[in-house]
Amino acid sequence: MRNKVVFIILAFILVLSGCTNGSIIPGEKKTDHTGTKIYNPQYSHYMIREKYSFDELLEESTHIVDAEYSGDGSDGLLLFEVVDTLKGEVSEAVIHVYEDDSSRVYKKGVRYLLFLVKYVHVFHYEHPHYYSMGGPLITENDADWKEKHETVEAAKDSFADSVKEYGRPFIVTDSLKDVLDFAPYIFVVTVESIEGKSTVYPTTCYVCKVKECLKGKVEETLIINGAARIVVTLFNGTVRLNHDYVVLLWCADQNSPIYGPAAPKLNVFDISHYDAIKARLS
């Protein structure tokens, strides 16, 4: 049901993707900081509702695009080739769209007017996800196709203050210093067990015991088998059970026991790098 689709759950549980093991220590090379990019989208629990009026679609969408359906992507999302962008900015030639309503059937080679909410996340930062807001499908074959385009064009002056994208802050960089500065939480953890695995992306949720807080502190925990624990999502194969790591994290929400990487790489290090990382934080 559409009204059960909460973005934070989709982004963290269903759309789990990568982090890479940090092997840059010891013997780290000098890092070029020029490629560092910080993503700071609107931090929100935006929820897709069951129904919208046309005016609401205009107002609440982050993006409105004229796009041709080209098929399903490997990530289970629908692929659309962008013909024209009527609201928001789209740098990709092909966008990945999540469609929750199975009654909306798209045909290859047909152009659609799509009302979307953009969600960008460390787990899929290379391909931001666009969530369909629903409503009747508007195609190039409809009698009111031109009229709908003109209506959107006429409303452009009202789009200036619209939210550009939703998501969670993260950093993309090859600089360990930048990730250390950016990450709000740096913990030493013991990876104890697997909480669950994604069926879409090669990522796993791990139950972890926090042994030390090098930066930030644990505000909330889960009680698992009578003990306080957190859950950390990492790329498959990044860690081993019953082993200690230094992890550079963000929290899924304030006062949440669920964490993810603060960057798509340089986010988890073997405990053998503990002294080097701690020294950098001094």
Protein backbone atom coordinates (compact mmCIF):
# COMPACT_ATOMS: atom_id res chain seq x y z
CA MET A 1 0.00 0.00 0.00
CA ARG A 2 1.32 3.41 -0.95
CA ASN A 3 0.53 4.94 2.41
CA LYS A 4 2.92 2.47 4.03
CA VAL A 5 5.88 3.64 1.99
CA VAL A 6 8.08 5.68 4.32
CA PHE A 7 11.27 6.88 2.69
CA ILE A 8 13.57 6.23 5.59
CA ILE A 9 12.54 2.56 5.60
CA LEU A 10 12.94 2.21 1.83
CA ALA A 11 16.28 3.91 1.85
CA PHE A 12 17.72 2.00 4.81
CA ILE A 13 16.10 -1.43 4.67
CA LEU A 14 15.04 -2.06 1.05
CA VAL A 15 17.64 0.00 -0.76
CA LEU A 16 20.79 -1.08 1.04
CA SER A 17 23.99 -0.62 -0.88
CA GLY A 18 27.69 -0.29 -0.60
CA CYS A 19 30.53 0.58 1.58
CA THR A 20 34.10 -0.52 0.98
CA ASN A 21 36.68 -1.69 3.45
CA GLY A 22 39.19 1.02 4.32
CA SER A 23 42.66 -0.30 3.52
CA ILE A 24 44.31 3.11 3.21
CA ILE A 25 46.09 2.76 6.57
CA PRO A 26 49.00 2.15 6.98
CA GLY A 27 51.12 3.60 4.17
CA GLU A 28 48.46 6.11 3.15
CA LYS A 29 49.29 8.18 0.09
CA LYS A 30 48.79 11.93 -0.01
CA THR A 31 45.13 12.58 -0.75
CA ASP A 32 43.73 15.02 -3.27
CA HIS A 33 40.80 16.83 -1.64
CA THR A 34 39.59 18.49 -4.81
CA GLY A 35 37.17 15.67 -5.59
CA THR A 36 35.39 15.84 -2.24
CA LYS A 37 31.66 16.40 -2.47
CA ILE A 38 29.27 16.73 0.45
CA TYR A 39 25.64 15.82 -0.12
CA ASN A 40 23.32 17.67 2.22
CA PRO A 41 19.74 17.00 1.07
CA GLN A 42 16.59 17.94 2.95
CA TYR A 43 16.52 15.61 5.96
CA SER A 44 12.97 14.34 6.00
CA HIS A 45 10.55 11.48 6.60
CA TYR A 46 8.53 12.38 3.51
CA MET A 47 5.77 9.84 2.91
CA ILE A 48 4.03 9.15 -0.39
CA ARG A 49 0.28 9.45 0.10
CA GLU A 50 -2.50 7.49 -1.55
CA LYS A 51 -3.90 10.33 -3.66
CA TYR A 52 -2.92 13.80 -4.82
CA SER A 53 -4.75 16.49 -6.70
CA PHE A 54 -2.98 17.88 -9.76
CA ASP A 55 -2.15 21.07 -7.83
CA GLU A 56 -0.64 18.99 -5.03
CA LEU A 57 1.48 17.07 -7.53
CA LEU A 58 2.78 20.37 -8.86
CA GLU A 59 3.59 21.67 -5.39
CA GLU A 60 4.95 18.63 -3.57
CA SER A 61 6.99 16.94 -6.31
CA THR A 62 10.71 17.70 -6.30
CA HIS A 63 10.89 16.92 -10.03
CA ILE A 64 8.52 16.84 -12.98
CA VAL A 65 9.93 15.26 -16.13
CA ASP A 66 8.81 14.32 -19.60
CA ALA A 67 10.49 10.93 -20.04
CA GLU A 68 10.34 7.82 -22.20
CA TYR A 69 10.04 4.43 -20.49
CA SER A 70 12.91 2.14 -21.49
CA GLY A 71 12.41 -0.87 -19.19
CA ASP A 72 13.41 -2.23 -15.80
CA GLY A 73 16.84 -1.64 -14.29
CA SER A 74 19.05 -4.19 -12.53
CA ASP A 75 18.13 -2.59 -9.20
CA GLY A 76 14.42 -3.37 -9.67
CA LEU A 77 13.56 0.24 -10.44
CA LEU A 78 12.07 1.51 -13.71
CA LEU A 79 14.33 3.27 -16.20
CA PHE A 80 13.22 6.41 -18.04
CA GLU A 81 15.14 8.39 -20.65
CA VAL A 82 14.69 12.08 -19.88
CA VAL A 83 13.28 14.12 -22.76
CA ASP A 84 12.55 17.35 -20.91
CA THR A 85 12.78 18.56 -17.30
CA LEU A 86 9.89 20.77 -16.24
CA LYS A 87 10.69 21.07 -12.51
CA GLY A 88 13.96 20.52 -10.68
CA GLU A 89 17.36 19.76 -12.16
CA VAL A 90 18.22 16.36 -13.63
CA SER A 91 21.82 15.70 -14.65
CA GLU A 92 21.26 12.06 -15.62
CA ALA A 93 20.19 11.05 -19.13
CA VAL A 94 18.41 8.05 -17.60
CA ILE A 95 16.66 8.17 -14.21
CA HIS A 96 15.79 5.30 -11.87
CA VAL A 97 12.17 5.47 -10.70
CA TYR A 98 10.49 3.53 -7.88
CA GLU A 99 6.84 2.79 -8.66
CA ASP A 100 4.81 1.44 -5.76
CA ASP A 101 1.47 1.17 -7.59
CA SER A 102 1.31 -2.09 -9.58
CA SER A 103 -1.78 -0.89 -11.44
CA ARG A 104 0.31 1.74 -13.26
CA VAL A 105 1.64 -0.17 -16.29
CA TYR A 106 4.23 1.55 -18.46
CA LYS A 107 4.90 0.73 -22.13
CA LYS A 108 8.36 0.84 -23.68
CA GLY A 109 8.94 3.69 -26.08
CA VAL A 110 6.06 5.78 -24.70
CA ARG A 111 6.65 9.19 -23.14
CA TYR A 112 5.12 9.99 -19.75
CA LEU A 113 4.73 13.08 -17.63
CA LEU A 114 6.19 11.97 -14.30
CA PHE A 115 5.66 13.64 -10.92
CA LEU A 116 8.52 12.52 -8.71
CA VAL A 117 10.21 12.91 -5.35
CA LYS A 118 14.00 12.61 -5.50
CA TYR A 119 15.78 10.70 -2.74
CA VAL A 120 19.58 10.67 -2.65
CA HIS A 121 21.45 8.38 -0.28
CA VAL A 122 24.96 7.10 0.41
CA PHE A 123 23.78 3.62 -0.59
CA HIS A 124 22.83 4.66 -4.11
CA TYR A 125 24.51 8.02 -4.59
CA GLU A 126 25.62 7.26 -8.17
CA HIS A 127 22.00 6.74 -9.21
CA PRO A 128 19.60 8.88 -7.14
CA HIS A 129 16.18 7.30 -6.79
CA TYR A 130 13.05 9.06 -7.90
CA TYR A 131 9.77 7.97 -6.30
CA SER A 132 6.58 8.18 -8.37
CA MET A 133 3.86 10.18 -6.62
CA GLY A 134 1.16 8.33 -8.52
CA GLY A 135 -2.06 9.62 -9.99
CA PRO A 136 -3.41 8.81 -13.46
CA LEU A 137 -0.73 8.08 -16.05
CA ILE A 138 -0.26 11.02 -18.42
CA THR A 139 1.14 9.88 -21.77
CA GLU A 140 2.09 11.54 -25.03
CA ASN A 141 -0.97 9.87 -26.60
CA ASP A 142 -3.43 11.65 -24.29
CA ALA A 143 -5.58 14.46 -25.66
CA ASP A 144 -4.55 16.75 -22.77
CA TRP A 145 -0.78 16.03 -23.05
CA LYS A 146 0.00 19.51 -24.38
CA GLU A 147 -2.38 21.15 -21.91
CA LYS A 148 -0.73 19.43 -18.93
CA HIS A 149 2.70 20.54 -20.16
CA GLU A 150 1.49 24.10 -20.45
CA THR A 151 -0.02 23.97 -16.97
CA VAL A 152 3.33 22.89 -15.49
CA GLU A 153 5.17 25.56 -17.47
CA ALA A 154 2.76 28.22 -16.18
CA ALA A 155 3.47 27.18 -12.58
CA LYS A 156 7.26 27.43 -12.85
CA ASP A 157 7.46 30.70 -10.90
CA SER A 158 6.04 28.89 -7.87
CA PHE A 159 8.76 26.20 -7.93
CA ALA A 160 11.60 28.42 -6.66
CA ASP A 161 11.13 27.56 -2.98
CA SER A 162 10.41 23.86 -3.52
CA VAL A 163 12.52 21.18 -1.83
CA LYS A 164 15.24 20.03 -4.26
CA GLU A 165 15.72 16.51 -2.88
CA TYR A 166 15.29 14.43 0.24
CA GLY A 167 17.74 12.07 1.88
CA ARG A 168 20.52 11.85 4.45
CA PRO A 169 23.80 13.80 4.48
CA PHE A 170 26.94 11.95 3.33
CA ILE A 171 30.33 12.65 1.79
CA VAL A 172 31.99 11.29 -1.35
CA THR A 173 35.77 11.57 -1.20
CA ASP A 174 39.11 9.75 -1.34
CA SER A 175 40.31 11.76 1.67
CA LEU A 176 40.25 9.91 4.97
CA LYS A 177 40.65 13.22 6.82
CA ASP A 178 37.50 14.55 5.17
CA VAL A 179 35.49 11.48 6.17
CA LEU A 180 36.82 11.63 9.74
CA ASP A 181 35.84 15.31 9.95
CA PHE A 182 32.43 14.70 8.40
CA ALA A 183 31.29 11.50 10.18
CA PRO A 184 29.19 12.39 13.24
CA TYR A 185 29.82 8.96 14.79
CA ILE A 186 33.05 6.98 14.93
CA PHE A 187 32.71 3.82 17.00
CA VAL A 188 34.76 0.75 17.82
CA VAL A 189 32.36 -2.16 17.48
CA THR A 190 32.23 -5.91 17.70
CA VAL A 191 30.17 -7.40 14.89
CA GLU A 192 28.09 -10.05 16.65
CA SER A 193 25.36 -11.30 14.31
CA ILE A 194 23.36 -10.64 11.16
CA GLU A 195 20.06 -8.81 11.57
CA GLY A 196 19.04 -9.16 7.93
CA LYS A 197 20.14 -8.99 4.30
CA SER A 198 18.87 -6.89 1.44
CA THR A 199 17.13 -8.72 -1.40
CA VAL A 200 17.92 -5.85 -3.78
CA TYR A 201 21.51 -4.82 -3.07
CA PRO A 202 24.53 -6.74 -1.73
CA THR A 203 24.35 -5.31 1.79
CA THR A 204 23.75 -6.68 5.25
CA CYS A 205 22.47 -5.29 8.56
CA TYR A 206 24.71 -6.34 11.46
CA VAL A 207 24.01 -6.35 15.18
CA CYS A 208 27.00 -4.69 16.85
CA LYS A 209 28.25 -4.10 20.36
CA VAL A 210 29.77 -0.64 20.82
CA LYS A 211 33.05 -0.98 22.70
CA GLU A 212 34.23 2.64 22.46
CA CYS A 213 32.98 5.94 21.09
CA LEU A 214 35.81 7.84 19.41
CA LYS A 215 33.43 10.55 18.16
CA GLY A 216 29.81 11.11 19.06
CA LYS A 217 27.91 8.89 21.45
CA VAL A 218 25.22 6.25 21.35
CA GLU A 219 21.91 7.88 22.22
CA GLU A 220 19.63 4.90 21.67
CA THR A 221 20.10 1.13 21.59
CA LEU A 222 18.17 -2.03 20.89
CA ILE A 223 17.90 -4.60 23.66
CA ILE A 224 18.84 -7.92 22.08
CA ASN A 225 19.07 -10.97 24.33
CA GLY A 226 19.13 -8.63 27.30
CA ALA A 227 22.07 -6.57 26.02
CA ALA A 228 22.22 -3.06 24.51
CA ARG A 229 23.19 -3.13 20.84
CA ILE A 230 23.07 -1.05 17.64
CA VAL A 231 22.45 -2.12 14.03
CA VAL A 232 24.93 -1.09 11.31
CA THR A 233 24.38 -1.65 7.58
CA LEU A 234 27.49 -2.49 5.55
CA PHE A 235 28.39 -3.91 2.17
CA ASN A 236 28.47 -7.70 2.01
CA GLY A 237 31.94 -9.08 2.69
CA THR A 238 33.14 -5.92 4.44
CA VAL A 239 33.23 -7.43 7.93
CA ARG A 240 33.42 -10.77 9.69
CA LEU A 241 31.33 -11.89 12.64
CA ASN A 242 32.95 -11.83 16.09
CA HIS A 243 35.59 -9.34 14.97
CA ASP A 244 36.29 -5.72 15.97
CA TYR A 245 36.25 -2.72 13.62
CA VAL A 246 36.42 1.08 13.63
CA VAL A 247 33.35 2.35 11.76
CA LEU A 248 32.65 5.87 10.47
CA LEU A 249 28.90 6.36 10.55
CA TRP A 250 25.81 8.50 10.35
CA CYS A 251 22.63 7.67 12.23
CA ALA A 252 19.39 6.83 10.39
CA ASP A 253 17.51 9.29 12.58
CA GLN A 254 17.90 11.20 15.80
CA ASN A 255 17.66 8.89 18.79
CA SER A 256 17.85 5.83 16.54
CA PRO A 257 19.84 2.62 17.06
CA ILE A 258 20.25 2.17 13.27
CA TYR A 259 23.43 3.40 11.57
CA GLY A 260 24.95 3.46 8.11
CA PRO A 261 28.22 4.62 6.53
CA ALA A 262 28.99 8.34 6.44
CA ALA A 263 30.62 7.82 3.03
CA PRO A 264 30.45 5.17 0.30
CA LYS A 265 34.08 4.26 1.00
CA LEU A 266 36.65 4.77 3.76
CA ASN A 267 34.00 3.94 6.34
CA VAL A 268 35.08 0.72 8.05
CA PHE A 269 38.56 -0.28 9.20
CA ASP A 270 39.99 -3.36 10.83
CA ILE A 271 40.79 -2.92 14.52
CA SER A 272 44.50 -3.08 13.63
CA HIS A 273 44.10 0.53 12.38
CA TYR A 274 42.69 1.73 15.73
CA ASP A 275 45.81 3.61 16.90
CA ALA A 276 46.31 5.38 13.56
CA ILE A 277 42.70 6.54 13.37
CA LYS A 278 42.58 7.62 17.01
CA ALA A 279 45.76 9.65 16.51
CA ARG A 280 44.16 11.46 13.56
CA LEU A 281 41.20 12.42 15.77
CA SER A 282 43.39 13.91 18.49
